[in-house]
């Protein structure tokens, strides 16, 4: 009998999110809000920074100091 995809992924240790700044323990961000022309309010991430180096990063970047968030 064929294995289900979920079982195969579990055996392989498959993770949907690869190591990246967005799910690193050192990643910091601030929330910003804006209102559009229809008066709807939206939130977005701003000031994406590495907590170790203090420099600007993208959510999909990563480095050798990566530590997964708990």
N, C-alpha and C. Protein backbone atom coordinates (compact mmCIF):
# COMPACT_ATOMS: atom_id res chain seq x y z
N UNK A 1 0.84 -1.18 0.00
CA UNK A 1 0.00 0.00 0.00
C UNK A 1 0.89 1.25 0.00
N UNK A 2 0.52 2.23 -0.76
CA UNK A 2 1.30 3.47 -0.88
C UNK A 2 1.16 4.32 0.37
N UNK A 3 2.26 4.96 0.71
CA UNK A 3 2.23 5.86 1.86
C UNK A 3 1.56 7.17 1.49
N UNK A 4 0.96 7.80 2.47
CA UNK A 4 0.36 9.11 2.25
C UNK A 4 1.48 10.16 2.23
N UNK A 5 1.23 11.23 1.54
CA UNK A 5 2.22 12.30 1.40
C UNK A 5 2.64 12.84 2.76
N UNK A 6 1.70 13.00 3.68
CA UNK A 6 2.03 13.50 5.02
C UNK A 6 2.99 12.58 5.75
N UNK A 7 2.81 11.26 5.59
CA UNK A 7 3.70 10.30 6.23
C UNK A 7 5.11 10.38 5.65
N UNK A 8 5.20 10.53 4.34
CA UNK A 8 6.49 10.63 3.66
C UNK A 8 7.21 11.90 4.11
N UNK A 9 6.50 13.02 4.18
CA UNK A 9 7.10 14.28 4.61
C UNK A 9 7.60 14.18 6.05
N UNK A 10 6.83 13.53 6.92
CA UNK A 10 7.24 13.38 8.32
C UNK A 10 8.51 12.54 8.43
N UNK A 11 8.62 11.47 7.65
CA UNK A 11 9.81 10.63 7.66
C UNK A 11 11.04 11.40 7.18
N UNK A 12 10.85 12.29 6.23
CA UNK A 12 11.95 13.06 5.66
C UNK A 12 12.34 14.25 6.52
N UNK A 13 11.49 14.61 7.48
CA UNK A 13 11.74 15.80 8.28
C UNK A 13 11.46 17.07 7.49
N UNK A 14 10.55 17.00 6.55
CA UNK A 14 10.21 18.13 5.68
C UNK A 14 9.64 19.28 6.49
N UNK A 15 10.16 20.48 6.23
CA UNK A 15 9.64 21.70 6.85
C UNK A 15 9.19 22.65 5.76
N UNK A 16 8.03 23.22 5.92
CA UNK A 16 7.51 24.16 4.92
C UNK A 16 8.34 25.44 4.89
N UNK A 17 8.79 25.87 6.06
CA UNK A 17 9.60 27.08 6.13
C UNK A 17 11.06 26.71 6.29
N UNK A 18 11.86 27.08 5.33
CA UNK A 18 13.29 26.85 5.38
C UNK A 18 13.92 27.84 6.35
N UNK A 19 15.19 27.63 6.71
CA UNK A 19 15.85 28.63 7.54
C UNK A 19 15.82 29.98 6.84
N UNK A 20 15.26 30.97 7.50
CA UNK A 20 15.24 32.32 6.93
C UNK A 20 15.08 33.32 8.08
N UNK A 21 15.42 34.55 7.80
CA UNK A 21 15.36 35.59 8.84
C UNK A 21 13.97 35.69 9.48
N UNK A 22 12.93 35.52 8.71
CA UNK A 22 11.57 35.70 9.23
C UNK A 22 11.24 34.75 10.37
N UNK A 23 11.87 33.56 10.42
CA UNK A 23 11.59 32.65 11.52
C UNK A 23 12.83 32.40 12.39
N UNK A 24 13.73 33.38 12.42
CA UNK A 24 14.94 33.31 13.24
C UNK A 24 14.69 34.02 14.58
N UNK A 25 15.30 33.53 15.61
CA UNK A 25 15.14 34.11 16.94
C UNK A 25 15.72 35.53 17.03
N UNK A 26 16.66 35.86 16.16
CA UNK A 26 17.31 37.17 16.20
C UNK A 26 16.61 38.23 15.35
N UNK A 27 15.61 37.85 14.59
CA UNK A 27 14.91 38.77 13.69
C UNK A 27 14.02 39.72 14.48
N UNK A 28 14.11 41.01 14.18
CA UNK A 28 13.24 42.00 14.82
C UNK A 28 12.50 42.81 13.76
N UNK A 29 11.31 43.24 14.10
CA UNK A 29 10.49 44.03 13.18
C UNK A 29 9.53 44.90 13.99
N UNK A 30 9.01 45.90 13.33
CA UNK A 30 7.97 46.74 13.93
C UNK A 30 6.75 46.66 13.03
N UNK A 31 5.59 46.87 13.61
CA UNK A 31 4.35 46.88 12.84
C UNK A 31 3.99 48.30 12.46
N UNK A 32 3.64 48.49 11.21
CA UNK A 32 3.16 49.78 10.75
C UNK A 32 1.72 49.63 10.28
N UNK A 33 0.98 50.71 10.21
CA UNK A 33 -0.40 50.67 9.72
C UNK A 33 -0.59 51.79 8.70
N UNK A 34 -1.48 51.55 7.78
CA UNK A 34 -1.88 52.60 6.85
C UNK A 34 -3.33 52.42 6.49
N UNK A 35 -3.96 53.48 6.07
CA UNK A 35 -5.37 53.47 5.69
C UNK A 35 -5.45 53.77 4.20
N UNK A 36 -6.19 52.94 3.47
CA UNK A 36 -6.31 53.16 2.02
C UNK A 36 -7.46 54.13 1.71
N UNK A 37 -7.68 54.35 0.45
CA UNK A 37 -8.70 55.32 0.01
C UNK A 37 -10.12 54.92 0.39
N UNK A 38 -10.34 53.62 0.70
CA UNK A 38 -11.67 53.17 1.14
C UNK A 38 -11.81 53.20 2.65
N UNK A 39 -10.81 53.79 3.33
CA UNK A 39 -10.79 53.91 4.77
C UNK A 39 -10.63 52.56 5.49
N UNK A 40 -9.99 51.59 4.82
CA UNK A 40 -9.67 50.31 5.44
C UNK A 40 -8.25 50.39 5.98
N UNK A 41 -8.05 49.88 7.18
CA UNK A 41 -6.74 49.93 7.80
C UNK A 41 -6.01 48.61 7.59
N UNK A 42 -4.74 48.70 7.23
CA UNK A 42 -3.90 47.54 6.99
C UNK A 42 -2.65 47.63 7.86
N UNK A 43 -2.10 46.48 8.23
CA UNK A 43 -0.84 46.46 8.96
C UNK A 43 0.23 45.83 8.07
N UNK A 44 1.46 46.22 8.28
CA UNK A 44 2.58 45.68 7.53
C UNK A 44 3.82 45.70 8.43
N UNK A 45 4.82 44.92 8.06
CA UNK A 45 6.07 44.88 8.79
C UNK A 45 7.01 45.95 8.26
N UNK A 46 7.66 46.66 9.18
CA UNK A 46 8.66 47.65 8.78
C UNK A 46 9.87 47.50 9.71
N UNK A 47 10.95 48.11 9.35
CA UNK A 47 12.18 48.04 10.15
C UNK A 47 12.63 46.60 10.37
N UNK A 48 12.72 45.80 9.31
CA UNK A 48 13.18 44.42 9.41
C UNK A 48 14.68 44.44 9.65
N UNK A 49 15.11 43.94 10.80
CA UNK A 49 16.51 44.02 11.21
C UNK A 49 17.00 42.72 11.82
N UNK A 50 18.31 42.52 11.71
CA UNK A 50 18.98 41.42 12.41
C UNK A 50 19.28 41.91 13.81
N UNK A 51 18.84 41.17 14.82
CA UNK A 51 19.09 41.56 16.19
C UNK A 51 20.54 41.43 16.60
N UNK A 52 21.32 40.63 15.90
CA UNK A 52 22.73 40.48 16.23
C UNK A 52 23.58 41.60 15.63
N UNK A 53 23.37 41.88 14.35
CA UNK A 53 24.18 42.88 13.67
C UNK A 53 23.54 44.24 13.55
N UNK A 54 22.22 44.32 13.71
CA UNK A 54 21.51 45.57 13.62
C UNK A 54 21.30 46.10 12.21
N UNK A 55 21.64 45.31 11.20
CA UNK A 55 21.50 45.75 9.82
C UNK A 55 20.18 45.30 9.21
N UNK A 56 19.81 45.92 8.10
CA UNK A 56 18.56 45.62 7.41
C UNK A 56 18.65 44.24 6.75
N UNK A 57 17.56 43.47 6.85
CA UNK A 57 17.48 42.15 6.22
C UNK A 57 16.15 41.99 5.51
N UNK A 58 16.07 41.00 4.66
CA UNK A 58 14.81 40.60 4.05
C UNK A 58 14.30 39.37 4.77
N UNK A 59 13.02 39.12 4.69
CA UNK A 59 12.45 37.97 5.41
C UNK A 59 13.00 36.64 4.92
N UNK A 60 13.38 36.55 3.66
CA UNK A 60 13.84 35.27 3.11
C UNK A 60 15.35 35.10 3.17
N UNK A 61 16.09 36.08 3.72
CA UNK A 61 17.53 35.95 3.89
C UNK A 61 17.83 35.02 5.06
N UNK A 62 19.08 34.57 5.17
CA UNK A 62 19.51 33.82 6.35
C UNK A 62 21.02 33.77 6.40
N UNK A 63 21.57 33.43 7.58
CA UNK A 63 23.01 33.38 7.75
C UNK A 63 23.40 32.19 8.62
N UNK A 64 24.70 32.05 8.87
CA UNK A 64 25.22 30.93 9.66
C UNK A 64 24.84 31.03 11.14
N UNK A 65 24.43 32.19 11.60
CA UNK A 65 24.02 32.38 13.00
C UNK A 65 22.54 32.12 13.22
N UNK A 66 21.85 31.58 12.23
CA UNK A 66 20.41 31.32 12.29
C UNK A 66 20.06 30.42 13.48
N UNK A 67 19.04 30.81 14.24
CA UNK A 67 18.47 29.99 15.32
C UNK A 67 16.96 30.04 15.18
N UNK A 68 16.34 28.88 15.08
CA UNK A 68 14.89 28.82 14.90
C UNK A 68 14.16 29.38 16.11
N UNK A 69 13.10 30.19 15.86
CA UNK A 69 12.25 30.71 16.94
C UNK A 69 11.53 29.57 17.62
N UNK A 70 11.30 29.72 18.90
CA UNK A 70 10.53 28.70 19.65
C UNK A 70 9.06 29.00 19.58
